[in-house]
Amino acid sequence: QVKRIREQSDKFYLIMDPELVNVSFWYIPKRLRGVPHDAKKEQELG
C-alpha cells in the first residue's frame, strides 16, 4: 500500500513510513493537486 501511495503522489500524501499495518495518509482531490504542501493545505485535506 505504501508503494502504491508513493506511485500516486499526485492523489495521496503518505504521512510516514509505517512500523505496523497502520498506514496513515491524506487523499488529495483534483483542486488541490500541485498546490505546495503546507499547514494550510493540511487543514483542507483534513
All heavy atoms as atom14 arrays in JSON, in Angstrom:
{
  "sequence": "QVKRIREQSDKFYLIMDPELVNVSFWYIPKRLRGVPHDAKKEQELG",
  "atom14_mask": [
    [1, 1, 1, 1, 1, 1, 1, 1, 1, 0, 0, 0, 0, 0],
    [1, 1, 1, 1, 1, 1, 1, 0, 0, 0, 0, 0, 0, 0],
    [1, 1, 1, 1, 1, 1, 1, 1, 1, 0, 0, 0, 0, 0],
    [1, 1, 1, 1, 1, 1, 1, 1, 1, 1, 1, 0, 0, 0],
    [1, 1, 1, 1, 1, 1, 1, 1, 0, 0, 0, 0, 0, 0],
    [1, 1, 1, 1, 1, 1, 1, 1, 1, 1, 1, 0, 0, 0],
    [1, 1, 1, 1, 1, 1, 1, 1, 1, 0, 0, 0, 0, 0],
    [1, 1, 1, 1, 1, 1, 1, 1, 1, 0, 0, 0, 0, 0],
    [1, 1, 1, 1, 1, 1, 0, 0, 0, 0, 0, 0, 0, 0],
    [1, 1, 1, 1, 1, 1, 1, 1, 0, 0, 0, 0, 0, 0],
    [1, 1, 1, 1, 1, 1, 1, 1, 1, 0, 0, 0, 0, 0],
    [1, 1, 1, 1, 1, 1, 1, 1, 1, 1, 1, 0, 0, 0],
    [1, 1, 1, 1, 1, 1, 1, 1, 1, 1, 1, 1, 0, 0],
    [1, 1, 1, 1, 1, 1, 1, 1, 0, 0, 0, 0, 0, 0],
    [1, 1, 1, 1, 1, 1, 1, 1, 0, 0, 0, 0, 0, 0],
    [1, 1, 1, 1, 1, 1, 1, 1, 0, 0, 0, 0, 0, 0],
    [1, 1, 1, 1, 1, 1, 1, 1, 0, 0, 0, 0, 0, 0],
    [1, 1, 1, 1, 1, 1, 1, 0, 0, 0, 0, 0, 0, 0],
    [1, 1, 1, 1, 1, 1, 1, 1, 1, 0, 0, 0, 0, 0],
    [1, 1, 1, 1, 1, 1, 1, 1, 0, 0, 0, 0, 0, 0],
    [1, 1, 1, 1, 1, 1, 1, 0, 0, 0, 0, 0, 0, 0],
    [1, 1, 1, 1, 1, 1, 1, 1, 0, 0, 0, 0, 0, 0],
    [1, 1, 1, 1, 1, 1, 1, 0, 0, 0, 0, 0, 0, 0],
    [1, 1, 1, 1, 1, 1, 0, 0, 0, 0, 0, 0, 0, 0],
    [1, 1, 1, 1, 1, 1, 1, 1, 1, 1, 1, 0, 0, 0],
    [1, 1, 1, 1, 1, 1, 1, 1, 1, 1, 1, 1, 1, 1],
    [1, 1, 1, 1, 1, 1, 1, 1, 1, 1, 1, 1, 0, 0],
    [1, 1, 1, 1, 1, 1, 1, 1, 0, 0, 0, 0, 0, 0],
    [1, 1, 1, 1, 1, 1, 1, 0, 0, 0, 0, 0, 0, 0],
    [1, 1, 1, 1, 1, 1, 1, 1, 1, 0, 0, 0, 0, 0],
    [1, 1, 1, 1, 1, 1, 1, 1, 1, 1, 1, 0, 0, 0],
    [1, 1, 1, 1, 1, 1, 1, 1, 0, 0, 0, 0, 0, 0],
    [1, 1, 1, 1, 1, 1, 1, 1, 1, 1, 1, 0, 0, 0],
    [1, 1, 1, 1, 0, 0, 0, 0, 0, 0, 0, 0, 0, 0],
    [1, 1, 1, 1, 1, 1, 1, 0, 0, 0, 0, 0, 0, 0],
    [1, 1, 1, 1, 1, 1, 1, 0, 0, 0, 0, 0, 0, 0],
    [1, 1, 1, 1, 1, 1, 1, 1, 1, 1, 0, 0, 0, 0],
    [1, 1, 1, 1, 1, 1, 1, 1, 0, 0, 0, 0, 0, 0],
    [1, 1, 1, 1, 1, 0, 0, 0, 0, 0, 0, 0, 0, 0],
    [1, 1, 1, 1, 1, 1, 1, 1, 1, 0, 0, 0, 0, 0],
    [1, 1, 1, 1, 1, 1, 1, 1, 1, 0, 0, 0, 0, 0],
    [1, 1, 1, 1, 1, 1, 1, 1, 1, 0, 0, 0, 0, 0],
    [1, 1, 1, 1, 1, 1, 1, 1, 1, 0, 0, 0, 0, 0],
    [1, 1, 1, 1, 1, 1, 1, 1, 1, 0, 0, 0, 0, 0],
    [1, 1, 1, 1, 1, 1, 1, 1, 0, 0, 0, 0, 0, 0],
    [1, 1, 1, 1, 0, 0, 0, 0, 0, 0, 0, 0, 0, 0]
  ],
  "atom14_positions": [
    [[0.84, -1.21, 0.0], [0.0, 0.0, 0.0], [0.87, 1.26, 0.0], [0.58, 2.22, -0.72], [-0.94, 0.01, 1.21], [-1.87, 1.23, 1.2], [-2.8, 1.26, 2.39], [-2.97, 0.26, 3.1], [-3.42, 2.4, 2.62], [0.0, 0.0, 0.0], [0.0, 0.0, 0.0], [0.0, 0.0, 0.0], [0.0, 0.0, 0.0], [0.0, 0.0, 0.0]],
    [[1.93, 1.24, 0.79], [2.84, 2.39, 0.82], [3.44, 2.61, -0.57], [3.52, 3.75, -1.05], [3.96, 2.14, 1.87], [5.08, 3.17, 1.71], [3.37, 2.21, 3.28], [0.0, 0.0, 0.0], [0.0, 0.0, 0.0], [0.0, 0.0, 0.0], [0.0, 0.0, 0.0], [0.0, 0.0, 0.0], [0.0, 0.0, 0.0], [0.0, 0.0, 0.0]],
    [[3.84, 1.53, -1.23], [4.4, 1.62, -2.58], [3.39, 2.24, -3.54], [3.72, 3.14, -4.34], [4.8, 0.22, -3.05], [5.25, 0.11, -4.49], [5.71, -1.31, -4.78], [5.95, -1.55, -6.28], [4.68, -1.65, -7.04], [0.0, 0.0, 0.0], [0.0, 0.0, 0.0], [0.0, 0.0, 0.0], [0.0, 0.0, 0.0], [0.0, 0.0, 0.0]],
    [[2.13, 1.8, -3.48], [1.1, 2.3, -4.4], [0.77, 3.77, -4.09], [0.5, 4.55, -5.01], [-0.16, 1.45, -4.29], [0.02, 0.03, -4.76], [0.29, -0.06, -6.26], [-0.88, 0.35, -7.04], [-0.88, 1.24, -8.0], [0.24, 1.85, -8.34], [-1.99, 1.53, -8.65], [0.0, 0.0, 0.0], [0.0, 0.0, 0.0], [0.0, 0.0, 0.0]],
    [[0.81, 4.16, -2.83], [0.57, 5.57, -2.48], [1.69, 6.44, -3.06], [1.44, 7.52, -3.62], [0.48, 5.73, -0.94], [-0.87, 5.2, -0.45], [0.67, 7.18, -0.53], [-1.02, 5.18, 1.07], [0.0, 0.0, 0.0], [0.0, 0.0, 0.0], [0.0, 0.0, 0.0], [0.0, 0.0, 0.0], [0.0, 0.0, 0.0], [0.0, 0.0, 0.0]],
    [[2.93, 5.97, -2.93], [4.06, 6.74, -3.47], [3.98, 6.85, -4.99], [4.38, 7.87, -5.57], [5.38, 6.09, -3.04], [5.7, 6.32, -1.57], [7.2, 6.19, -1.33], [7.55, 6.74, -0.02], [7.83, 6.0, 1.04], [7.82, 4.67, 0.96], [8.14, 6.57, 2.19], [0.0, 0.0, 0.0], [0.0, 0.0, 0.0], [0.0, 0.0, 0.0]],
    [[3.48, 5.81, -5.63], [3.36, 5.84, -7.09], [2.25, 6.78, -7.55], [2.21, 7.15, -8.73], [3.09, 4.43, -7.61], [4.31, 3.5, -7.49], [3.98, 2.04, -7.79], [2.77, 1.71, -7.93], [4.92, 1.23, -7.87], [0.0, 0.0, 0.0], [0.0, 0.0, 0.0], [0.0, 0.0, 0.0], [0.0, 0.0, 0.0], [0.0, 0.0, 0.0]],
    [[1.35, 7.15, -6.63], [0.24, 8.06, -6.96], [0.34, 9.31, -6.08], [-0.63, 9.74, -5.47], [-1.1, 7.36, -6.74], [-1.28, 6.09, -7.55], [-2.58, 5.39, -7.22], [-3.67, 5.81, -7.63], [-2.49, 4.29, -6.48], [0.0, 0.0, 0.0], [0.0, 0.0, 0.0], [0.0, 0.0, 0.0], [0.0, 0.0, 0.0], [0.0, 0.0, 0.0]],
    [[1.53, 9.88, -6.03], [1.78, 11.0, -5.12], [0.99, 12.25, -5.48], [0.88, 13.18, -4.68], [3.28, 11.32, -5.07], [3.76, 11.64, -6.36], [0.0, 0.0, 0.0], [0.0, 0.0, 0.0], [0.0, 0.0, 0.0], [0.0, 0.0, 0.0], [0.0, 0.0, 0.0], [0.0, 0.0, 0.0], [0.0, 0.0, 0.0], [0.0, 0.0, 0.0]],
    [[0.42, 12.29, -6.69], [-0.45, 13.42, -7.02], [-1.79, 13.31, -6.29], [-2.42, 14.33, -5.98], [-0.68, 13.48, -8.53], [-1.32, 12.21, -9.07], [-1.0, 11.1, -8.57], [-2.15, 12.31, -10.01], [0.0, 0.0, 0.0], [0.0, 0.0, 0.0], [0.0, 0.0, 0.0], [0.0, 0.0, 0.0], [0.0, 0.0, 0.0], [0.0, 0.0, 0.0]],
    [[-2.22, 12.06, -5.98], [-3.52, 11.83, -5.36], [-3.44, 11.55, -3.86], [-4.44, 11.75, -3.14], [-4.21, 10.63, -6.02], [-4.52, 10.79, -7.49], [-5.16, 9.51, -8.02], [-5.43, 9.62, -9.51], [-6.0, 8.34, -10.04], [0.0, 0.0, 0.0], [0.0, 0.0, 0.0], [0.0, 0.0, 0.0], [0.0, 0.0, 0.0], [0.0, 0.0, 0.0]],
    [[-2.3, 11.07, -3.4], [-2.19, 10.67, -1.99], [-0.9, 11.22, -1.39], [0.12, 11.34, -2.08], [-2.2, 9.14, -1.88], [-3.46, 8.5, -2.36], [-3.55, 7.98, -3.64], [-4.58, 8.42, -1.53], [-4.72, 7.4, -4.1], [-5.75, 7.84, -1.98], [-5.82, 7.34, -3.27], [0.0, 0.0, 0.0], [0.0, 0.0, 0.0], [0.0, 0.0, 0.0]],
    [[-0.98, 11.51, -0.1], [0.19, 12.01, 0.63], [0.44, 11.06, 1.8], [-0.38, 10.97, 2.71], [-0.05, 13.43, 1.14], [1.15, 14.04, 1.84], [2.05, 14.83, 1.13], [1.37, 13.83, 3.19], [3.16, 15.4, 1.76], [2.48, 14.39, 3.84], [3.37, 15.17, 3.12], [4.45, 15.72, 3.74], [0.0, 0.0, 0.0], [0.0, 0.0, 0.0]],
    [[1.56, 10.33, 1.77], [1.92, 9.41, 2.85], [2.49, 10.21, 4.01], [3.45, 10.96, 3.85], [2.95, 8.4, 2.36], [3.39, 7.35, 3.37], [2.25, 6.37, 3.66], [4.62, 6.59, 2.85], [0.0, 0.0, 0.0], [0.0, 0.0, 0.0], [0.0, 0.0, 0.0], [0.0, 0.0, 0.0], [0.0, 0.0, 0.0], [0.0, 0.0, 0.0]],
    [[1.88, 10.06, 5.19], [2.31, 10.85, 6.33], [3.62, 10.34, 6.9], [4.49, 11.13, 7.29], [1.19, 10.87, 7.4], [0.01, 11.7, 6.85], [1.68, 11.43, 8.73], [-1.22, 11.69, 7.71], [0.0, 0.0, 0.0], [0.0, 0.0, 0.0], [0.0, 0.0, 0.0], [0.0, 0.0, 0.0], [0.0, 0.0, 0.0], [0.0, 0.0, 0.0]],
    [[3.8, 9.03, 6.96], [5.06, 8.45, 7.43], [5.13, 6.99, 7.03], [4.11, 6.36, 6.74], [5.19, 8.57, 8.95], [4.18, 7.73, 9.73], [4.36, 7.94, 11.51], [3.9, 9.68, 11.69], [0.0, 0.0, 0.0], [0.0, 0.0, 0.0], [0.0, 0.0, 0.0], [0.0, 0.0, 0.0], [0.0, 0.0, 0.0], [0.0, 0.0, 0.0]],
    [[6.34, 6.46, 7.0], [6.51, 5.04, 6.77], [6.0, 4.29, 8.0], [6.45, 4.57, 9.12], [7.99, 4.7, 6.54], [8.42, 5.04, 5.13], [7.76, 4.58, 4.19], [9.42, 5.77, 4.98], [0.0, 0.0, 0.0], [0.0, 0.0, 0.0], [0.0, 0.0, 0.0], [0.0, 0.0, 0.0], [0.0, 0.0, 0.0], [0.0, 0.0, 0.0]],
    [[5.09, 3.35, 7.83], [4.51, 2.67, 8.99], [5.45, 1.61, 9.57], [6.26, 1.01, 8.85], [3.25, 2.02, 8.43], [3.57, 1.77, 6.99], [4.46, 2.9, 6.57], [0.0, 0.0, 0.0], [0.0, 0.0, 0.0], [0.0, 0.0, 0.0], [0.0, 0.0, 0.0], [0.0, 0.0, 0.0], [0.0, 0.0, 0.0], [0.0, 0.0, 0.0]],
    [[5.33, 1.38, 10.88], [6.04, 0.29, 11.53], [5.18, -0.97, 11.6], [5.7, -2.06, 11.82], [6.44, 0.69, 12.95], [7.53, 1.72, 13.04], [8.02, 1.89, 14.46], [7.38, 2.64, 15.23], [9.03, 1.25, 14.81], [0.0, 0.0, 0.0], [0.0, 0.0, 0.0], [0.0, 0.0, 0.0], [0.0, 0.0, 0.0], [0.0, 0.0, 0.0]],
    [[3.87, -0.79, 11.45], [2.94, -1.91, 11.55], [2.03, -1.85, 10.32], [2.44, -1.35, 9.27], [2.17, -1.81, 12.88], [1.43, -3.03, 13.41], [2.28, -4.29, 13.41], [0.92, -2.76, 14.82], [0.0, 0.0, 0.0], [0.0, 0.0, 0.0], [0.0, 0.0, 0.0], [0.0, 0.0, 0.0], [0.0, 0.0, 0.0], [0.0, 0.0, 0.0]],
    [[0.82, -2.34, 10.42], [-0.09, -2.36, 9.27], [-1.0, -1.13, 9.25], [-1.93, -1.07, 8.45], [-0.93, -3.66, 9.26], [-0.02, -4.87, 9.06], [-1.74, -3.8, 10.55], [0.0, 0.0, 0.0], [0.0, 0.0, 0.0], [0.0, 0.0, 0.0], [0.0, 0.0, 0.0], [0.0, 0.0, 0.0], [0.0, 0.0, 0.0], [0.0, 0.0, 0.0]],
    [[-0.75, -0.17, 10.14], [-1.46, 1.11, 10.11], [-0.8, 1.99, 9.05], [0.38, 2.32, 9.18], [-1.35, 1.85, 11.45], [-1.65, 0.99, 12.66], [-1.25, -0.16, 12.75], [-2.32, 1.57, 13.63], [0.0, 0.0, 0.0], [0.0, 0.0, 0.0], [0.0, 0.0, 0.0], [0.0, 0.0, 0.0], [0.0, 0.0, 0.0], [0.0, 0.0, 0.0]],
    [[-1.54, 2.37, 8.04], [-0.99, 3.26, 7.01], [-1.74, 4.58, 7.08], [-2.96, 4.64, 6.9], [-1.11, 2.64, 5.6], [-0.51, 3.59, 4.56], [-0.41, 1.28, 5.55], [0.0, 0.0, 0.0], [0.0, 0.0, 0.0], [0.0, 0.0, 0.0], [0.0, 0.0, 0.0], [0.0, 0.0, 0.0], [0.0, 0.0, 0.0], [0.0, 0.0, 0.0]],
    [[-1.01, 5.65, 7.36], [-1.6, 6.98, 7.58], [-1.33, 7.86, 6.36], [-0.18, 8.01, 5.94], [-1.01, 7.63, 8.83], [-1.23, 6.81, 9.97], [0.0, 0.0, 0.0], [0.0, 0.0, 0.0], [0.0, 0.0, 0.0], [0.0, 0.0, 0.0], [0.0, 0.0, 0.0], [0.0, 0.0, 0.0], [0.0, 0.0, 0.0], [0.0, 0.0, 0.0]],
    [[-2.41, 8.45, 5.83], [-2.26, 9.21, 4.59], [-3.41, 10.21, 4.42], [-4.45, 10.11, 5.06], [-2.2, 8.27, 3.38], [-3.45, 7.44, 3.18], [-4.46, 7.83, 2.31], [-3.63, 6.24, 3.87], [-5.61, 7.07, 2.12], [-4.77, 5.46, 3.7], [-5.76, 5.88, 2.81], [0.0, 0.0, 0.0], [0.0, 0.0, 0.0], [0.0, 0.0, 0.0]],
    [[-3.18, 11.17, 3.54], [-4.24, 12.07, 3.09], [-4.58, 11.75, 1.63], [-3.72, 11.35, 0.86], [-3.8, 13.52, 3.17], [-3.88, 14.13, 4.53], [-5.0, 14.31, 5.29], [-2.79, 14.66, 5.31], [-4.69, 14.91, 6.48], [-3.33, 15.15, 6.53], [-1.43, 14.79, 5.1], [-2.55, 15.74, 7.51], [-0.64, 15.36, 6.07], [-1.21, 15.83, 7.26]],
    [[-5.84, 11.99, 1.3], [-6.25, 11.97, -0.11], [-6.26, 13.4, -0.62], [-6.73, 14.32, 0.06], [-7.64, 11.35, -0.27], [-8.17, 11.55, -1.68], [-7.62, 10.85, -2.74], [-9.2, 12.46, -1.94], [-8.06, 11.05, -4.04], [-9.66, 12.66, -3.23], [-9.09, 11.96, -4.28], [-9.52, 12.16, -5.56], [0.0, 0.0, 0.0], [0.0, 0.0, 0.0]],
    [[-5.75, 13.63, -1.84], [-5.66, 14.96, -2.43], [-6.65, 15.03, -3.6], [-6.44, 14.39, -4.64], [-4.23, 15.26, -2.94], [-3.21, 15.03, -1.83], [-4.14, 16.69, -3.47], [-1.76, 15.05, -2.31], [0.0, 0.0, 0.0], [0.0, 0.0, 0.0], [0.0, 0.0, 0.0], [0.0, 0.0, 0.0], [0.0, 0.0, 0.0], [0.0, 0.0, 0.0]],
    [[-7.73, 15.8, -3.47], [-8.67, 15.93, -4.59], [-8.07, 16.78, -5.71], [-7.04, 17.43, -5.54], [-9.88, 16.62, -3.93], [-9.29, 17.39, -2.8], [-8.14, 16.59, -2.3], [0.0, 0.0, 0.0], [0.0, 0.0, 0.0], [0.0, 0.0, 0.0], [0.0, 0.0, 0.0], [0.0, 0.0, 0.0], [0.0, 0.0, 0.0], [0.0, 0.0, 0.0]],
    [[-8.76, 16.79, -6.85], [-8.2, 17.44, -8.04], [-7.83, 18.89, -7.82], [-6.79, 19.36, -8.28], [-9.21, 17.33, -9.19], [-9.26, 15.96, -9.84], [-10.21, 15.97, -11.06], [-10.19, 14.62, -11.76], [-11.11, 14.6, -12.93], [0.0, 0.0, 0.0], [0.0, 0.0, 0.0], [0.0, 0.0, 0.0], [0.0, 0.0, 0.0], [0.0, 0.0, 0.0]],
    [[-8.67, 19.63, -7.06], [-8.44, 21.07, -6.93], [-7.18, 21.4, -6.12], [-6.68, 22.53, -6.18], [-9.66, 21.75, -6.29], [-9.9, 21.4, -4.84], [-11.14, 22.1, -4.28], [-11.45, 21.65, -2.94], [-10.95, 22.19, -1.83], [-10.1, 23.2, -1.92], [-11.3, 21.72, -0.65], [0.0, 0.0, 0.0], [0.0, 0.0, 0.0], [0.0, 0.0, 0.0]],
    [[-6.67, 20.42, -5.35], [-5.5, 20.69, -4.51], [-4.23, 20.04, -5.04], [-3.18, 20.13, -4.41], [-5.77, 20.21, -3.07], [-6.85, 20.98, -2.31], [-7.13, 20.34, -0.96], [-6.44, 22.44, -2.12], [0.0, 0.0, 0.0], [0.0, 0.0, 0.0], [0.0, 0.0, 0.0], [0.0, 0.0, 0.0], [0.0, 0.0, 0.0], [0.0, 0.0, 0.0]],
    [[-4.33, 19.35, -6.18], [-3.15, 18.72, -6.74], [-2.23, 19.78, -7.34], [-2.67, 20.69, -8.05], [-3.53, 17.68, -7.8], [-4.23, 16.48, -7.17], [-4.82, 15.52, -8.19], [-5.73, 14.6, -7.49], [-6.53, 13.74, -8.09], [-6.55, 13.68, -9.42], [-7.32, 12.95, -7.38], [0.0, 0.0, 0.0], [0.0, 0.0, 0.0], [0.0, 0.0, 0.0]],
    [[-0.96, 19.68, -7.03], [0.01, 20.68, -7.49], [0.17, 21.84, -6.54], [1.1, 22.64, -6.69], [0.0, 0.0, 0.0], [0.0, 0.0, 0.0], [0.0, 0.0, 0.0], [0.0, 0.0, 0.0], [0.0, 0.0, 0.0], [0.0, 0.0, 0.0], [0.0, 0.0, 0.0], [0.0, 0.0, 0.0], [0.0, 0.0, 0.0], [0.0, 0.0, 0.0]],
    [[-0.73, 21.95, -5.52], [-0.6, 23.01, -4.52], [0.5, 22.61, -3.53], [0.52, 21.46, -3.07], [-1.93, 23.22, -3.78], [-1.78, 24.24, -2.65], [-3.02, 23.64, -4.76], [0.0, 0.0, 0.0], [0.0, 0.0, 0.0], [0.0, 0.0, 0.0], [0.0, 0.0, 0.0], [0.0, 0.0, 0.0], [0.0, 0.0, 0.0], [0.0, 0.0, 0.0]],
    [[1.44, 23.5, -3.2], [2.52, 23.15, -2.26], [1.95, 22.63, -0.93], [0.93, 23.12, -0.44], [3.27, 24.48, -2.07], [2.97, 25.26, -3.3], [1.58, 24.88, -3.7], [0.0, 0.0, 0.0], [0.0, 0.0, 0.0], [0.0, 0.0, 0.0], [0.0, 0.0, 0.0], [0.0, 0.0, 0.0], [0.0, 0.0, 0.0], [0.0, 0.0, 0.0]],
    [[2.61, 21.6, -0.37], [2.13, 21.0, 0.87], [2.59, 21.85, 2.06], [3.79, 21.99, 2.32], [2.64, 19.57, 1.02], [1.96, 18.83, 2.12], [0.82, 18.07, 1.92], [2.21, 18.74, 3.45], [0.42, 17.54, 3.07], [1.25, 17.94, 4.01], [0.0, 0.0, 0.0], [0.0, 0.0, 0.0], [0.0, 0.0, 0.0], [0.0, 0.0, 0.0]],
    [[1.63, 22.43, 2.76], [1.93, 23.21, 3.97], [0.78, 23.05, 4.95], [-0.17, 22.27, 4.71], [2.14, 24.69, 3.61], [0.96, 25.31, 2.85], [-0.16, 24.73, 2.9], [1.14, 26.36, 2.22], [0.0, 0.0, 0.0], [0.0, 0.0, 0.0], [0.0, 0.0, 0.0], [0.0, 0.0, 0.0], [0.0, 0.0, 0.0], [0.0, 0.0, 0.0]],
    [[0.85, 23.77, 6.06], [-0.16, 23.62, 7.12], [-1.55, 23.99, 6.63], [-2.54, 23.35, 7.0], [0.22, 24.48, 8.33], [0.0, 0.0, 0.0], [0.0, 0.0, 0.0], [0.0, 0.0, 0.0], [0.0, 0.0, 0.0], [0.0, 0.0, 0.0], [0.0, 0.0, 0.0], [0.0, 0.0, 0.0], [0.0, 0.0, 0.0], [0.0, 0.0, 0.0]],
    [[-1.63, 24.99, 5.76], [-2.94, 25.4, 5.25], [-3.55, 24.29, 4.39], [-4.75, 23.99, 4.49], [-2.79, 26.69, 4.42], [-4.1, 27.23, 3.87], [-3.88, 28.5, 3.07], [-5.21, 29.01, 2.49], [-4.99, 30.23, 1.67], [0.0, 0.0, 0.0], [0.0, 0.0, 0.0], [0.0, 0.0, 0.0], [0.0, 0.0, 0.0], [0.0, 0.0, 0.0]],
    [[-2.71, 23.66, 3.57], [-3.21, 22.56, 2.74], [-3.64, 21.38, 3.6], [-4.66, 20.73, 3.33], [-2.13, 22.12, 1.74], [-2.6, 21.02, 0.79], [-1.53, 20.68, -0.24], [-1.99, 19.56, -1.16], [-0.96, 19.22, -2.19], [0.0, 0.0, 0.0], [0.0, 0.0, 0.0], [0.0, 0.0, 0.0], [0.0, 0.0, 0.0], [0.0, 0.0, 0.0]],
    [[-2.89, 21.1, 4.65], [-3.24, 20.0, 5.55], [-4.62, 20.23, 6.18], [-5.4, 19.29, 6.35], [-2.18, 19.83, 6.63], [-0.89, 19.23, 6.11], [0.12, 18.95, 7.22], [-0.18, 19.24, 8.4], [1.22, 18.42, 6.91], [0.0, 0.0, 0.0], [0.0, 0.0, 0.0], [0.0, 0.0, 0.0], [0.0, 0.0, 0.0], [0.0, 0.0, 0.0]],
    [[-4.91, 21.48, 6.53], [-6.23, 21.78, 7.09], [-7.34, 21.48, 6.08], [-8.39, 20.94, 6.44], [-6.3, 23.25, 7.53], [-5.46, 23.58, 8.76], [-5.88, 22.83, 10.0], [-7.08, 22.62, 10.23], [-4.91, 22.4, 10.8], [0.0, 0.0, 0.0], [0.0, 0.0, 0.0], [0.0, 0.0, 0.0], [0.0, 0.0, 0.0], [0.0, 0.0, 0.0]],
    [[-7.09, 21.79, 4.82], [-8.07, 21.49, 3.78], [-8.23, 19.98, 3.59], [-9.35, 19.46, 3.46], [-7.64, 22.13, 2.46], [-7.92, 23.62, 2.38], [-9.4, 23.94, 2.45], [-10.17, 23.39, 1.63], [-9.79, 24.69, 3.36], [0.0, 0.0, 0.0], [0.0, 0.0, 0.0], [0.0, 0.0, 0.0], [0.0, 0.0, 0.0], [0.0, 0.0, 0.0]],
    [[-7.11, 19.27, 3.6], [-7.16, 17.81, 3.43], [-7.89, 17.16, 4.62], [-8.61, 16.17, 4.45], [-5.74, 17.24, 3.31], [-4.93, 17.7, 2.09], [-3.52, 17.12, 2.13], [-5.63, 17.31, 0.79], [0.0, 0.0, 0.0], [0.0, 0.0, 0.0], [0.0, 0.0, 0.0], [0.0, 0.0, 0.0], [0.0, 0.0, 0.0], [0.0, 0.0, 0.0]],
    [[-7.71, 17.75, 5.81], [-8.38, 17.22, 6.99], [-9.9, 17.35, 6.91], [-10.64, 16.48, 7.39], [0.0, 0.0, 0.0], [0.0, 0.0, 0.0], [0.0, 0.0, 0.0], [0.0, 0.0, 0.0], [0.0, 0.0, 0.0], [0.0, 0.0, 0.0], [0.0, 0.0, 0.0], [0.0, 0.0, 0.0], [0.0, 0.0, 0.0], [0.0, 0.0, 0.0]]
  ]
}
